[in-house]
Amino acid sequence: MSMEKEYQSCGNFLSSWQGGWESVNGNPDVFIFQGYDGNYYLLAYSYDKEYERGSFSCYEINSDEFGCYICLGAKNCRLTSEELPYSLNISEWGSYMKN
């Protein structure tokens, strides 16, 4: 599959999954959106109740022959669809439910 077809396939997946996702495993909640540049991004946000502070991280979503992923340091974390009830899985972070 060509890189353009891979990007379109990943883009179709991401366009249908745009919006807020709540972590089932207590990991950061995420929001998937398309930027002005046409690329897709994953915004991870969490709230620390002890310190009463929120933190945000933004990652560009990339694609290759295996699907969509974000880079966390030197590690690629895959975004894959799941069977219901959750629907989204981010490797290393676990399952997510649509908000």
PDB file of N, CA and C in Angstrom:
ATOM      1  N   MET A   1       0.846  -1.177   0.000  1.00  0.00           N
ATOM      2  CA  MET A   1       0.000   0.000   0.000  1.00  0.00           C
ATOM      3  C   MET A   1       0.891   1.240   0.000  1.00  0.00           C
ATOM      4  N   SER A   2       0.532   2.204  -0.836  1.00  0.00           N
ATOM      5  CA  SER A   2       1.340   3.414  -0.907  1.00  0.00           C
ATOM      6  C   SER A   2       1.123   4.268   0.336  1.00  0.00           C
ATOM      7  N   MET A   3       2.069   5.159   0.586  1.00  0.00           N
ATOM      8  CA  MET A   3       1.993   6.014   1.772  1.00  0.00           C
ATOM      9  C   MET A   3       0.745   6.894   1.719  1.00  0.00           C
ATOM     10  N   GLU A   4       0.367   7.360   0.522  1.00  0.00           N
ATOM     11  CA  GLU A   4      -0.826   8.198   0.398  1.00  0.00           C
ATOM     12  C   GLU A   4      -2.085   7.408   0.763  1.00  0.00           C
ATOM     13  N   LYS A   5      -2.180   6.160   0.312  1.00  0.00           N
ATOM     14  CA  LYS A   5      -3.331   5.320   0.648  1.00  0.00           C
ATOM     15  C   LYS A   5      -3.353   5.006   2.141  1.00  0.00           C
ATOM     16  N   GLU A   6      -2.175   4.777   2.733  1.00  0.00           N
ATOM     17  CA  GLU A   6      -2.097   4.529   4.171  1.00  0.00           C
ATOM     18  C   GLU A   6      -2.601   5.739   4.943  1.00  0.00           C
ATOM     19  N   TYR A   7      -2.200   6.944   4.515  1.00  0.00           N
ATOM     20  CA  TYR A   7      -2.624   8.160   5.198  1.00  0.00           C
ATOM     21  C   TYR A   7      -4.135   8.340   5.068  1.00  0.00           C
ATOM     22  N   GLN A   8      -4.691   8.059   3.862  1.00  0.00           N
ATOM     23  CA  GLN A   8      -6.129   8.176   3.670  1.00  0.00           C
ATOM     24  C   GLN A   8      -6.880   7.186   4.548  1.00  0.00           C
ATOM     25  N   SER A   9      -6.376   5.959   4.647  1.00  0.00           N
ATOM     26  CA  SER A   9      -7.003   4.952   5.488  1.00  0.00           C
ATOM     27  C   SER A   9      -6.983   5.386   6.946  1.00  0.00           C
ATOM     28  N   CYS A  10      -5.843   5.870   7.403  1.00  0.00           N
ATOM     29  CA  CYS A  10      -5.716   6.365   8.775  1.00  0.00           C
ATOM     30  C   CYS A  10      -6.598   7.594   8.961  1.00  0.00           C
ATOM     31  N   GLY A  11      -6.638   8.475   7.976  1.00  0.00           N
ATOM     32  CA  GLY A  11      -7.459   9.681   8.049  1.00  0.00           C
ATOM     33  C   GLY A  11      -8.939   9.349   8.153  1.00  0.00           C
ATOM     34  N   ASN A  12      -9.402   8.322   7.427  1.00  0.00           N
ATOM     35  CA  ASN A  12     -10.802   7.904   7.520  1.00  0.00           C
ATOM     36  C   ASN A  12     -11.110   7.405   8.922  1.00  0.00           C
ATOM     37  N   PHE A  13     -10.202   6.618   9.465  1.00  0.00           N
ATOM     38  CA  PHE A  13     -10.359   6.121  10.823  1.00  0.00           C
ATOM     39  C   PHE A  13     -10.425   7.293  11.796  1.00  0.00           C
ATOM     40  N   LEU A  14      -9.507   8.214  11.688  1.00  0.00           N
ATOM     41  CA  LEU A  14      -9.427   9.326  12.629  1.00  0.00           C
ATOM     42  C   LEU A  14     -10.596  10.295  12.495  1.00  0.00           C
ATOM     43  N   SER A  15     -11.051  10.534  11.280  1.00  0.00           N
ATOM     44  CA  SER A  15     -12.179  11.462  11.126  1.00  0.00           C
ATOM     45  C   SER A  15     -13.427  10.914  11.801  1.00  0.00           C
ATOM     46  N   SER A  16     -13.589   9.596  11.814  1.00  0.00           N
ATOM     47  CA  SER A  16     -14.754   9.017  12.479  1.00  0.00           C
ATOM     48  C   SER A  16     -14.579   8.958  14.000  1.00  0.00           C
ATOM     49  N   TRP A  17     -13.347   9.097  14.484  1.00  0.00           N
ATOM     50  CA  TRP A  17     -13.094   9.018  15.928  1.00  0.00           C
ATOM     51  C   TRP A  17     -12.722  10.359  16.546  1.00  0.00           C
ATOM     52  N   GLN A  18     -12.950  11.448  15.832  1.00  0.00           N
ATOM     53  CA  GLN A  18     -12.663  12.771  16.398  1.00  0.00           C
ATOM     54  C   GLN A  18     -13.557  13.035  17.605  1.00  0.00           C
ATOM     55  N   GLY A  19     -13.015  13.751  18.570  1.00  0.00           N
ATOM     56  CA  GLY A  19     -13.778  14.109  19.754  1.00  0.00           C
ATOM     57  C   GLY A  19     -13.100  13.638  21.013  1.00  0.00           C
ATOM     58  N   GLY A  20     -13.821  13.706  22.118  1.00  0.00           N
ATOM     59  CA  GLY A  20     -13.278  13.366  23.429  1.00  0.00           C
ATOM     60  C   GLY A  20     -13.434  11.894  23.760  1.00  0.00           C
ATOM     61  N   TRP A  21     -12.413  11.348  24.417  1.00  0.00           N
ATOM     62  CA  TRP A  21     -12.388   9.944  24.844  1.00  0.00           C
ATOM     63  C   TRP A  21     -11.961   9.871  26.302  1.00  0.00           C
ATOM     64  N   GLU A  22     -12.701   9.112  27.085  1.00  0.00           N
ATOM     65  CA  GLU A  22     -12.409   8.954  28.507  1.00  0.00           C
ATOM     66  C   GLU A  22     -11.712   7.626  28.746  1.00  0.00           C
ATOM     67  N   SER A  23     -10.625   7.652  29.491  1.00  0.00           N
ATOM     68  CA  SER A  23      -9.855   6.447  29.786  1.00  0.00           C
ATOM     69  C   SER A  23     -10.611   5.528  30.725  1.00  0.00           C
ATOM     70  N   VAL A  24     -10.585   4.244  30.423  1.00  0.00           N
ATOM     71  CA  VAL A  24     -11.183   3.226  31.273  1.00  0.00           C
ATOM     72  C   VAL A  24     -10.194   2.812  32.362  1.00  0.00           C
ATOM     73  N   ASN A  25      -8.898   2.980  32.096  1.00  0.00           N
ATOM     74  CA  ASN A  25      -7.840   2.502  32.970  1.00  0.00           C
ATOM     75  C   ASN A  25      -7.238   3.575  33.875  1.00  0.00           C
ATOM     76  N   GLY A  26      -7.798   4.765  33.909  1.00  0.00           N
ATOM     77  CA  GLY A  26      -7.244   5.824  34.748  1.00  0.00           C
ATOM     78  C   GLY A  26      -6.084   6.573  34.120  1.00  0.00           C
ATOM     79  N   ASN A  27      -5.823   6.349  32.852  1.00  0.00           N
ATOM     80  CA  ASN A  27      -4.772   7.079  32.141  1.00  0.00           C
ATOM     81  C   ASN A  27      -5.326   8.419  31.673  1.00  0.00           C
ATOM     82  N   PRO A  28      -4.486   9.260  31.075  1.00  0.00           N
ATOM     83  CA  PRO A  28      -4.985  10.564  30.628  1.00  0.00           C
ATOM     84  C   PRO A  28      -6.147  10.408  29.644  1.00  0.00           C
ATOM     85  N   ASP A  29      -7.174  11.259  29.787  1.00  0.00           N
ATOM     86  CA  ASP A  29      -8.239  11.313  28.800  1.00  0.00           C
ATOM     87  C   ASP A  29      -7.668  11.985  27.562  1.00  0.00           C
ATOM     88  N   VAL A  30      -8.280  11.738  26.402  1.00  0.00           N
ATOM     89  CA  VAL A  30      -7.728  12.268  25.161  1.00  0.00           C
ATOM     90  C   VAL A  30      -8.815  12.927  24.327  1.00  0.00           C
ATOM     91  N   PHE A  31      -8.378  13.797  23.451  1.00  0.00           N
ATOM     92  CA  PHE A  31      -9.239  14.457  22.489  1.00  0.00           C
ATOM     93  C   PHE A  31      -8.530  14.372  21.147  1.00  0.00           C
ATOM     94  N   ILE A  32      -9.191  13.815  20.144  1.00  0.00           N
ATOM     95  CA  ILE A  32      -8.613  13.691  18.800  1.00  0.00           C
ATOM     96  C   ILE A  32      -9.240  14.774  17.926  1.00  0.00           C
ATOM     97  N   PHE A  33      -8.398  15.542  17.231  1.00  0.00           N
ATOM     98  CA  PHE A  33      -8.893  16.621  16.383  1.00  0.00           C
ATOM     99  C   PHE A  33      -8.002  16.801  15.164  1.00  0.00           C
ATOM    100  N   GLN A  34      -8.560  17.482  14.158  1.00  0.00           N
ATOM    101  CA  GLN A  34      -7.802  17.807  12.956  1.00  0.00           C
ATOM    102  C   GLN A  34      -7.396  19.267  13.034  1.00  0.00           C
ATOM    103  N   GLY A  35      -6.098  19.519  12.863  1.00  0.00           N
ATOM    104  CA  GLY A  35      -5.577  20.878  12.932  1.00  0.00           C
ATOM    105  C   GLY A  35      -5.808  21.635  11.636  1.00  0.00           C
ATOM    106  N   TYR A  36      -5.488  22.915  11.660  1.00  0.00           N
ATOM    107  CA  TYR A  36      -5.623  23.763  10.479  1.00  0.00           C
ATOM    108  C   TYR A  36      -4.755  23.278   9.328  1.00  0.00           C
ATOM    109  N   ASP A  37      -3.676  22.561   9.652  1.00  0.00           N
ATOM    110  CA  ASP A  37      -2.769  22.062   8.622  1.00  0.00           C
ATOM    111  C   ASP A  37      -3.263  20.767   7.979  1.00  0.00           C
ATOM    112  N   GLY A  38      -4.403  20.245   8.420  1.00  0.00           N
ATOM    113  CA  GLY A  38      -4.962  19.009   7.861  1.00  0.00           C
ATOM    114  C   GLY A  38      -4.493  17.751   8.567  1.00  0.00           C
ATOM    115  N   ASN A  39      -3.506  17.874   9.443  1.00  0.00           N
ATOM    116  CA  ASN A  39      -3.015  16.715  10.191  1.00  0.00           C
ATOM    117  C   ASN A  39      -3.899  16.475  11.411  1.00  0.00           C
ATOM    118  N   TYR A  40      -3.878  15.246  11.892  1.00  0.00           N
ATOM    119  CA  TYR A  40      -4.638  14.890  13.081  1.00  0.00           C
ATOM    120  C   TYR A  40      -3.724  14.887  14.297  1.00  0.00           C
ATOM    121  N   TYR A  41      -4.302  15.271  15.432  1.00  0.00           N
ATOM    122  CA  TYR A  41      -3.550  15.367  16.679  1.00  0.00           C
ATOM    123  C   TYR A  41      -4.323  14.705  17.804  1.00  0.00           C
ATOM    124  N   LEU A  42      -3.585  14.250  18.802  1.00  0.00           N
ATOM    125  CA  LEU A  42      -4.168  13.685  20.007  1.00  0.00           C
ATOM    126  C   LEU A  42      -3.734  14.564  21.170  1.00  0.00           C
ATOM    127  N   LEU A  43      -4.707  15.149  21.851  1.00  0.00           N
ATOM    128  CA  LEU A  43      -4.456  15.975  23.023  1.00  0.00           C
ATOM    129  C   LEU A  43      -4.771  15.133  24.250  1.00  0.00           C
ATOM    130  N   ALA A  44      -3.767  14.874  25.069  1.00  0.00           N
ATOM    131  CA  ALA A  44      -3.952  14.093  26.297  1.00  0.00           C
ATOM    132  C   ALA A  44      -4.050  15.067  27.463  1.00  0.00           C
ATOM    133  N   TYR A  45      -5.043  14.862  28.315  1.00  0.00           N
ATOM    134  CA  TYR A  45      -5.208  15.753  29.458  1.00  0.00           C
ATOM    135  C   TYR A  45      -5.558  14.952  30.707  1.00  0.00           C
ATOM    136  N   SER A  46      -4.987  15.375  31.809  1.00  0.00           N
ATOM    137  CA  SER A  46      -5.248  14.709  33.082  1.00  0.00           C
ATOM    138  C   SER A  46      -5.330  15.768  34.179  1.00  0.00           C
ATOM    139  N   TYR A  47      -5.979  15.398  35.274  1.00  0.00           N
ATOM    140  CA  TYR A  47      -6.153  16.314  36.391  1.00  0.00           C
ATOM    141  C   TYR A  47      -5.642  15.646  37.658  1.00  0.00           C
ATOM    142  N   ASP A  48      -4.737  16.309  38.353  1.00  0.00           N
ATOM    143  CA  ASP A  48      -4.185  15.804  39.601  1.00  0.00           C
ATOM    144  C   ASP A  48      -4.985  16.416  40.755  1.00  0.00           C
ATOM    145  N   LYS A  49      -5.801  15.593  41.402  1.00  0.00           N
ATOM    146  CA  LYS A  49      -6.669  16.084  42.480  1.00  0.00           C
ATOM    147  C   LYS A  49      -5.866  16.570  43.684  1.00  0.00           C
ATOM    148  N   GLU A  50      -4.741  15.921  43.951  1.00  0.00           N
ATOM    149  CA  GLU A  50      -3.932  16.300  45.112  1.00  0.00           C
ATOM    150  C   GLU A  50      -3.407  17.729  44.980  1.00  0.00           C
ATOM    151  N   TYR A  51      -2.884  18.064  43.795  1.00  0.00           N
ATOM    152  CA  TYR A  51      -2.322  19.391  43.574  1.00  0.00           C
ATOM    153  C   TYR A  51      -3.294  20.350  42.895  1.00  0.00           C
ATOM    154  N   GLU A  52      -4.478  19.845  42.544  1.00  0.00           N
ATOM    155  CA  GLU A  52      -5.503  20.623  41.865  1.00  0.00           C
ATOM    156  C   GLU A  52      -4.955  21.311  40.619  1.00  0.00           C
ATOM    157  N   ARG A  53      -4.280  20.522  39.791  1.00  0.00           N
ATOM    158  CA  ARG A  53      -3.701  21.028  38.548  1.00  0.00           C
ATOM    159  C   ARG A  53      -4.012  20.078  37.406  1.00  0.00           C
ATOM    160  N   GLY A  54      -4.204  20.656  36.249  1.00  0.00           N
ATOM    161  CA  GLY A  54      -4.377  19.874  35.041  1.00  0.00           C
ATOM    162  C   GLY A  54      -3.109  19.936  34.212  1.00  0.00           C
ATOM    163  N   SER A  55      -2.894  18.908  33.416  1.00  0.00           N
ATOM    164  CA  SER A  55      -1.745  18.928  32.513  1.00  0.00           C
ATOM    165  C   SER A  55      -2.182  18.437  31.136  1.00  0.00           C
ATOM    166  N   PHE A  56      -1.564  19.012  30.120  1.00  0.00           N
ATOM    167  CA  PHE A  56      -1.904  18.718  28.738  1.00  0.00           C
ATOM    168  C   PHE A  56      -0.652  18.346  27.965  1.00  0.00           C
ATOM    169  N   SER A  57      -0.807  17.413  27.030  1.00  0.00           N
ATOM    170  CA  SER A  57       0.255  17.059  26.088  1.00  0.00           C
ATOM    171  C   SER A  57      -0.394  16.863  24.730  1.00  0.00           C
ATOM    172  N   CYS A  58       0.263  17.327  23.679  1.00  0.00           N
ATOM    173  CA  CYS A  58      -0.291  17.193  22.337  1.00  0.00           C
ATOM    174  C   CYS A  58       0.674  16.383  21.472  1.00  0.00           C
ATOM    175  N   TYR A  59       0.136  15.411  20.745  1.00  0.00           N
ATOM    176  CA  TYR A  59       0.944  14.531  19.898  1.00  0.00           C
ATOM    177  C   TYR A  59       0.367  14.509  18.497  1.00  0.00           C
ATOM    178  N   GLU A  60       1.229  14.594  17.492  1.00  0.00           N
ATOM    179  CA  GLU A  60       0.768  14.428  16.116  1.00  0.00           C
ATOM    180  C   GLU A  60       0.539  12.947  15.868  1.00  0.00           C
ATOM    181  N   ILE A  61      -0.562  12.623  15.200  1.00  0.00           N
ATOM    182  CA  ILE A  61      -0.863  11.233  14.867  1.00  0.00           C
ATOM    183  C   ILE A  61      -0.276  10.942  13.495  1.00  0.00           C
ATOM    184  N   ASN A  62       0.585   9.945  13.441  1.00  0.00           N
ATOM    185  CA  ASN A  62       1.248   9.536  12.208  1.00  0.00           C
ATOM    186  C   ASN A  62       0.694   8.195  11.750  1.00  0.00           C
ATOM    187  N   SER A  63       1.058   7.787  10.544  1.00  0.00           N
ATOM    188  CA  SER A  63       0.631   6.479  10.054  1.00  0.00           C
ATOM    189  C   SER A  63       1.767   5.801   9.308  1.00  0.00           C
ATOM    190  N   ASP A  64       1.703   4.484   9.304  1.00  0.00           N
ATOM    191  CA  ASP A  64       2.623   3.667   8.521  1.00  0.00           C
ATOM    192  C   ASP A  64       1.844   2.455   8.031  1.00  0.00           C
ATOM    193  N   GLU A  65       2.532   1.444   7.525  1.00  0.00           N
ATOM    194  CA  GLU A  65       1.851   0.270   6.971  1.00  0.00           C
ATOM    195  C   GLU A  65       1.074  -0.523   8.020  1.00  0.00           C
ATOM    196  N   PHE A  66       1.319  -0.270   9.301  1.00  0.00           N
ATOM    197  CA  PHE A  66       0.642  -0.994  10.371  1.00  0.00           C
ATOM    198  C   PHE A  66      -0.542  -0.223  10.947  1.00  0.00           C
ATOM    199  N   GLY A  67      -0.725   1.044  10.575  1.00  0.00           N
ATOM    200  CA  GLY A  67      -1.846   1.839  11.070  1.00  0.00           C
ATOM    201  C   GLY A  67      -1.408   3.166  11.652  1.00  0.00           C
ATOM    202  N   CYS A  68      -2.225   3.698  12.547  1.00  0.00           N
ATOM    203  CA  CYS A  68      -1.993   5.009  13.148  1.00  0.00           C
ATOM    204  C   CYS A  68      -1.269   4.872  14.481  1.00  0.00           C
ATOM    205  N   TYR A  69      -0.439   5.861  14.805  1.00  0.00           N
ATOM    206  CA  TYR A  69       0.311   5.838  16.056  1.00  0.00           C
ATOM    207  C   TYR A  69       0.715   7.248  16.469  1.00  0.00           C
ATOM    208  N   ILE A  70       1.045   7.384  17.757  1.00  0.00           N
ATOM    209  CA  ILE A  70       1.666   8.607  18.270  1.00  0.00           C
ATOM    210  C   ILE A  70       3.030   8.210  18.819  1.00  0.00           C
ATOM    211  N   CYS A  71       3.950   9.149  18.855  1.00  0.00           N
ATOM    212  CA  CYS A  71       5.286   8.895  19.395  1.00  0.00           C
ATOM    213  C   CYS A  71       5.357   9.415  20.828  1.00  0.00           C
ATOM    214  N   LEU A  72       5.654   8.500  21.752  1.00  0.00           N
ATOM    215  CA  LEU A  72       5.899   8.871  23.151  1.00  0.00           C
ATOM    216  C   LEU A  72       7.371   8.610  23.411  1.00  0.00           C
ATOM    217  N   GLY A  73       8.167   9.649  23.276  1.00  0.00           N
ATOM    218  CA  GLY A  73       9.616   9.469  23.374  1.00  0.00           C
ATOM    219  C   GLY A  73      10.089   8.661  22.175  1.00  0.00           C
ATOM    220  N   ALA A  74      10.756   7.554  22.446  1.00  0.00           N
ATOM    221  CA  ALA A  74      11.254   6.697  21.374  1.00  0.00           C
ATOM    222  C   ALA A  74      10.278   5.563  21.045  1.00  0.00           C
ATOM    223  N   LYS A  75       9.130   5.542  21.695  1.00  0.00           N
ATOM    224  CA  LYS A  75       8.175   4.446  21.534  1.00  0.00           C
ATOM    225  C   LYS A  75       6.950   4.899  20.738  1.00  0.00           C
ATOM    226  N   ASN A  76       6.513   4.057  19.799  1.00  0.00           N
ATOM    227  CA  ASN A  76       5.292   4.316  19.051  1.00  0.00           C
ATOM    228  C   ASN A  76       4.120   3.634  19.739  1.00  0.00           C
ATOM    229  N   CYS A  77       3.072   4.381  20.035  1.00  0.00           N
ATOM    230  CA  CYS A  77       1.859   3.840  20.649  1.00  0.00           C
ATOM    231  C   CYS A  77       0.768   3.790  19.593  1.00  0.00           C
ATOM    232  N   ARG A  78       0.272   2.621  19.304  1.00  0.00           N
ATOM    233  CA  ARG A  78      -0.724   2.386  18.262  1.00  0.00           C
ATOM    234  C   ARG A  78      -2.120   2.772  18.713  1.00  0.00           C
ATOM    235  N   LEU A  79      -2.897   3.327  17.783  1.00  0.00           N
ATOM    236  CA  LEU A  79      -4.309   3.600  17.986  1.00  0.00           C
ATOM    237  C   LEU A  79      -5.077   2.568  17.191  1.00  0.00           C
ATOM    238  N   THR A  80      -5.905   1.782  17.859  1.00  0.00           N
ATOM    239  CA  THR A  80      -6.681   0.741  17.186  1.00  0.00           C
ATOM    240  C   THR A  80      -8.120   0.762  17.681  1.00  0.00           C
ATOM    241  N   SER A  81      -9.015   0.299  16.829  1.00  0.00           N
ATOM    242  CA  SER A  81     -10.409   0.207  17.253  1.00  0.00           C
ATOM    243  C   SER A  81     -10.593  -1.071  18.046  1.00  0.00           C
ATOM    244  N   GLU A  82     -11.572  -1.062  18.944  1.00  0.00           N
ATOM    245  CA  GLU A  82     -11.898  -2.203  19.793  1.00  0.00           C
ATOM    246  C   GLU A  82     -13.351  -2.586  19.592  1.00  0.00           C
ATOM    247  N   GLU A  83     -13.687  -3.777  20.028  1.00  0.00           N
ATOM    248  CA  GLU A  83     -15.092  -4.162  20.096  1.00  0.00           C
ATOM    249  C   GLU A  83     -15.739  -3.351  21.205  1.00  0.00           C
ATOM    250  N   LEU A  84     -17.042  -3.199  21.106  1.00  0.00           N
ATOM    251  CA  LEU A  84     -17.768  -2.479  22.157  1.00  0.00           C
ATOM    252  C   LEU A  84     -17.554  -3.166  23.487  1.00  0.00           C
ATOM    253  N   PRO A  85     -17.609  -2.560  24.606  1.00  0.00           N
ATOM    254  CA  PRO A  85     -18.218  -1.265  24.856  1.00  0.00           C
ATOM    255  C   PRO A  85     -17.264  -0.088  24.747  1.00  0.00           C
ATOM    256  N   TYR A  86     -15.973  -0.295  24.512  1.00  0.00           N
ATOM    257  CA  TYR A  86     -15.036   0.818  24.606  1.00  0.00           C
ATOM    258  C   TYR A  86     -14.741   1.499  23.284  1.00  0.00           C
ATOM    259  N   SER A  87     -14.384   0.799  22.259  1.00  0.00           N
ATOM    260  CA  SER A  87     -14.207   1.297  20.904  1.00  0.00           C
ATOM    261  C   SER A  87     -12.830   1.825  20.531  1.00  0.00           C
ATOM    262  N   LEU A  88     -11.988   2.257  21.453  1.00  0.00           N
ATOM    263  CA  LEU A  88     -10.663   2.768  21.086  1.00  0.00           C
ATOM    264  C   LEU A  88      -9.632   2.216  22.055  1.00  0.00           C
ATOM    265  N   ASN A  89      -8.483   1.812  21.518  1.00  0.00           N
ATOM    266  CA  ASN A  89      -7.380   1.338  22.347  1.00  0.00           C
ATOM    267  C   ASN A  89      -6.124   2.066  21.923  1.00  0.00           C
ATOM    268  N   ILE A  90      -5.393   2.579  22.892  1.00  0.00           N
ATOM    269  CA  ILE A  90      -4.093   3.201  22.648  1.00  0.00           C
ATOM    270  C   ILE A  90      -3.092   2.350  23.395  1.00  0.00           C
ATOM    271  N   SER A  91      -2.194   1.703  22.632  1.00  0.00           N
ATOM    272  CA  SER A  91      -1.234   0.813  23.294  1.00  0.00           C
ATOM    273  C   SER A  91      -0.491   1.597  24.358  1.00  0.00           C
ATOM    274  N   GLU A  92      -0.149   0.948  25.440  1.00  0.00           N
ATOM    275  CA  GLU A  92       0.479   1.520  26.628  1.00  0.00           C
ATOM    276  C   GLU A  92      -0.505   2.279  27.514  1.00  0.00           C
ATOM    277  N   TRP A  93      -1.627   2.796  26.964  1.00  0.00           N
ATOM    278  CA  TRP A  93      -2.583   3.545  27.756  1.00  0.00           C
ATOM    279  C   TRP A  93      -3.875   2.779  28.001  1.00  0.00           C
ATOM    280  N   GLY A  94      -4.216   1.837  27.157  1.00  0.00           N
ATOM    281  CA  GLY A  94      -5.406   1.021  27.377  1.00  0.00           C
ATOM    282  C   GLY A  94      -6.623   1.466  26.604  1.00  0.00           C
ATOM    283  N   SER A  95      -7.788   1.135  27.152  1.00  0.00           N
ATOM    284  CA  SER A  95      -9.083   1.328  26.481  1.00  0.00           C
ATOM    285  C   SER A  95      -9.686   2.685  26.784  1.00  0.00           C
ATOM    286  N   TYR A  96     -10.484   3.161  25.808  1.00  0.00           N
ATOM    287  CA  TYR A  96     -11.139   4.468  25.918  1.00  0.00           C
ATOM    288  C   TYR A  96     -12.586   4.363  25.477  1.00  0.00           C
ATOM    289  N   MET A  97     -13.453   5.148  26.144  1.00  0.00           N
ATOM    290  CA  MET A  97     -14.868   5.265  25.797  1.00  0.00           C
ATOM    291  C   MET A  97     -15.112   6.675  25.269  1.00  0.00           C
ATOM    292  N   LYS A  98     -15.986   6.760  24.279  1.00  0.00           N
ATOM    293  CA  LYS A  98     -16.345   8.062  23.710  1.00  0.00           C
ATOM    294  C   LYS A  98     -17.106   8.873  24.752  1.00  0.00           C
ATOM    295  N   ASN A  99     -16.745  10.163  24.907  1.00  0.00           N
ATOM    296  CA  ASN A  99     -17.458  11.061  25.841  1.00  0.00           C
ATOM    297  C   ASN A  99     -18.795  11.451  25.272  1.00  0.00           C
TER     298      ASN A  99
END
